[in-house]
């Protein structure tokens, strides 16, 4: 059996993915989980060892075209890195002697996003939209995707290029608020619910030249002046930025739908992680798929998919490091019923930015003090929201979910909570929750939720990443033991 190794590394949130020539995704991981450095741009030896374990690697696919990226960096005044002009140079640096002599290929940054989304989707034909900060030159692209004789075919329909970038706009506002750009945009999104977007017209007129064409007044790559909208508090700035980014995204989506290629939407790129904006996509498209890892690390899978060419057998996001053993349902239940919360580190690690029950901090969502307790443990700001994981068959009783989503199992979209009085820990200031539905899939997390429901009548748990602010998720059993010893919360494996 042949295997294709996809690589996304050298800039931001490095990742690798391995697929077989039968279309099975056999492994995928983030470098940061191994090095402990958030959004680590470089691959890790242990990660490469896991990727190669027990299988041959017959082709390596890189997620972007380095020489094109270097041209754009020259244009933007960033200079040139002579050691990263070619795919071969980068792979030699990143693969550290592994897979010597294996043939390789490189693929466009946005096209890797497209393939990672479409070839994991259930669609045979779809409109694909990519919105991110920047690839080589593209910042927004729209594609028509379909299979022809079993191979994915992609037709470009529209693009916007650097420096006009929705992602760079949101990053610039994240920096202006005082948060870490290219990392804490999700905090900006959470903060927005605590502000009012009353000054959004001022922000729009100062920064945006044309909403419909996604054109900005200035290059926002270097951010905005620190005094920009200086009379507006941070929460209101976040609310304005969120409102404006939603307007910009919807403009792109309306354009994408106008081509008439398909009413199925595949959405990818880092901006696709804005779950608040994602609630609006069903107003334009009938069926929606967002791959659980739509950012740059996920493009490792997209590059491998392009090299292989066919539909991938998408089954699960549990694709990383394995902690062997049965899922600790009984131990978790004991901790939840007595202490109200616990950690769990069991099975294969999640691929993507969300913990989905295998590397999670879980809590009873009903207590008024639960949110503060978990925020204190994780050293997070008090305004940050938490997500509920709920038995899928009960979701309509507790949440009004947006239309069009074919799978709400990955915390990618917000829904309105119908009983915020009963579940204060998982309801944000705006009355919404970033919902994870858990299907009847026989997984350990599903069995835990079933046991919790039987014991308490509550079909959901608060689910957040087993990490600390600014640090990656726990990955190995040793990580879990260290986390437990440091923070004094039981972690079951």
Foldseek 3Di string as FASTA:
>chain_A
DEKEKFWQADDWFTKIWIAHLVQETQFIDTQQQVVFAHRHRAHDPVQLCVRPPPHDYQEYEYQAAQQLLQVVCVVVVVHGDPQRNGPVSVCCVRVVPPPPPHYYYYDHNVLLLQQLQPLADPDQWAKEWEAAQATSWWHIWIWIWHDDPFFIDIGTDDTDTPLLHLHLLLQLLCVLLPHHGPHCSVVLLLLLLVAAQPCLVVVCVQFPDDLLRSHTPDRCNVHDPNCVPVVDHSSNSSNSSVVSSLSSVVSSLQVNVVVVRALEYGYAEPVLQSQASVLCNVVRGQAYTYPQARYSSSSSVSRSCVVSGGRHDDDFQQRHDADDDAFPLPVQVVCCVPVFKFFEAHGGAGDHQFGQQNQKIKGAQQDPCVLVVVCVLQVHDSQGAWAKEFAQVCQVVFWAGGHRYPALQRLRHKTAGPCCVRGVRQAHSNRIGSYHHDYPPPGSRCVNLVVVCVVPVDGIITIGACHHPSTGGNGYPVSQVVSCVVRVGHYYD
